[in-house]
Amino acid sequence: MDEQNILGHLLKIEAEASSLVDDAQAEADRRVSEGEKQNRILYDERYAASSAEAEASYTEAIERVREDYRSRLEDYRKSLEAMPLDETNFSNLMEKYIAGGI
């Protein structure tokens, strides 16, 4: 009978050990899952901040290019307006060209 008691006791201890292992595995899985969740949140926050910074930088660069374009175009228009017009010589030149003299 003692052998049966010992065997029963050993089986009971094995069942408890198995239960402890299962509990430990569940706790480890929970901790890993929680760590992954926290890391994902941190990643998303950093990605959003970096993305916003890059977008702001891009928008600022585009605006600088547009302003430079407007400035250059305005300078070009002013230079065209400042050029003297010689309508008489232009008309004479066109008449010669049309007449086939050029």
Protein backbone atom coordinates (compact mmCIF):
# COMPACT_ATOMS: atom_id res chain seq x y z
CA MET A 1 0.00 0.00 0.00
CA ASP A 2 2.92 2.33 0.70
CA GLU A 3 4.07 1.94 -2.89
CA GLN A 4 0.63 2.98 -4.13
CA ASN A 5 0.66 5.97 -1.79
CA ILE A 6 4.13 6.95 -2.99
CA LEU A 7 3.11 6.48 -6.63
CA GLY A 8 -0.07 8.49 -6.07
CA HIS A 9 1.90 11.17 -4.29
CA LEU A 10 4.45 11.31 -7.15
CA LEU A 11 1.66 11.57 -9.72
CA LYS A 12 0.10 14.37 -7.68
CA ILE A 13 3.47 16.21 -7.56
CA GLU A 14 3.92 15.70 -11.30
CA ALA A 15 0.46 17.15 -11.94
CA GLU A 16 1.28 20.16 -9.76
CA ALA A 17 4.60 20.63 -11.55
CA SER A 18 2.86 20.44 -14.91
CA SER A 19 0.36 23.03 -13.71
CA LEU A 20 3.20 25.29 -12.56
CA VAL A 21 4.93 24.94 -15.93
CA ASP A 22 1.68 25.78 -17.73
CA ASP A 23 1.16 28.81 -15.49
CA ALA A 24 4.75 29.94 -16.03
CA GLN A 25 4.37 29.55 -19.81
CA ALA A 26 1.14 31.54 -19.76
CA GLU A 27 2.82 34.29 -17.71
CA ALA A 28 5.81 34.35 -20.07
CA ASP A 29 3.47 34.58 -23.08
CA ARG A 30 1.56 37.42 -21.41
CA ARG A 31 4.75 39.32 -20.67
CA VAL A 32 6.07 38.86 -24.20
CA SER A 33 2.74 39.98 -25.62
CA GLU A 34 2.68 43.03 -23.36
CA GLY A 35 6.28 43.88 -24.33
CA GLU A 36 5.42 43.60 -28.03
CA LYS A 37 2.37 45.79 -27.50
CA GLN A 38 4.42 48.48 -25.70
CA ASN A 39 7.13 48.35 -28.37
CA ARG A 40 4.52 48.71 -31.11
CA ILE A 41 3.02 51.74 -29.39
CA LEU A 42 6.47 53.31 -29.00
CA TYR A 43 7.30 52.54 -32.65
CA ASP A 44 4.04 54.06 -33.86
CA GLU A 45 4.63 57.22 -31.81
CA ARG A 46 8.18 57.65 -33.09
CA TYR A 47 7.15 56.86 -36.66
CA ALA A 48 4.33 59.42 -36.51
CA ALA A 49 6.67 62.08 -35.10
CA SER A 50 9.34 61.34 -37.70
CA SER A 51 6.75 61.31 -40.46
CA ALA A 52 5.31 64.64 -39.35
CA GLU A 53 8.80 66.15 -39.21
CA ALA A 54 9.63 64.89 -42.71
CA GLU A 55 6.30 66.16 -44.05
CA ALA A 56 6.89 69.61 -42.52
CA SER A 57 10.40 69.72 -43.95
CA TYR A 58 9.10 68.69 -47.39
CA THR A 59 6.33 71.30 -47.30
CA GLU A 60 8.82 73.98 -46.27
CA ALA A 61 11.21 73.00 -49.08
CA ILE A 62 8.40 73.07 -51.65
CA GLU A 63 7.36 76.53 -50.48
CA ARG A 64 10.96 77.78 -50.74
CA VAL A 65 11.20 76.46 -54.31
CA ARG A 66 7.88 78.07 -55.23
CA GLU A 67 8.96 81.39 -53.75
CA ASP A 68 12.27 81.20 -55.62
CA TYR A 69 10.38 80.44 -58.84
CA ARG A 70 8.02 83.40 -58.29
CA SER A 71 10.96 85.68 -57.56
CA ARG A 72 12.89 84.60 -60.64
CA LEU A 73 9.81 84.90 -62.84
CA GLU A 74 9.15 88.41 -61.53
CA ASP A 75 12.80 89.37 -62.16
CA TYR A 76 12.51 88.02 -65.71
CA ARG A 77 9.32 89.98 -66.33
CA LYS A 78 10.96 93.16 -65.06
CA SER A 79 13.97 92.58 -67.32
CA LEU A 80 11.64 92.16 -70.31
CA GLU A 81 9.78 95.34 -69.42
CA ALA A 82 13.09 97.20 -69.08
CA MET A 83 14.22 96.26 -72.59
CA PRO A 84 13.83 99.10 -75.05
CA LEU A 85 11.46 98.44 -77.93
CA ASP A 86 12.61 99.48 -81.38
CA GLU A 87 9.38 99.11 -83.28
CA THR A 88 10.62 100.99 -86.34
CA ASN A 89 13.62 98.73 -86.92
CA PHE A 90 11.52 95.64 -86.17
CA SER A 91 8.90 96.71 -88.72
CA ASN A 92 11.56 97.42 -91.34
CA LEU A 93 13.21 94.06 -90.68
CA MET A 94 9.89 92.22 -90.99
CA GLU A 95 9.06 93.98 -94.25
CA LYS A 96 12.42 92.93 -95.69
CA TYR A 97 11.90 89.37 -94.50
CA ILE A 98 8.39 89.14 -95.98
CA ALA A 99 9.59 90.66 -99.22
CA GLY A 100 12.29 88.02 -99.39
CA GLY A 101 15.18 90.36 -98.89
CA ILE A 102 16.67 88.49 -96.01
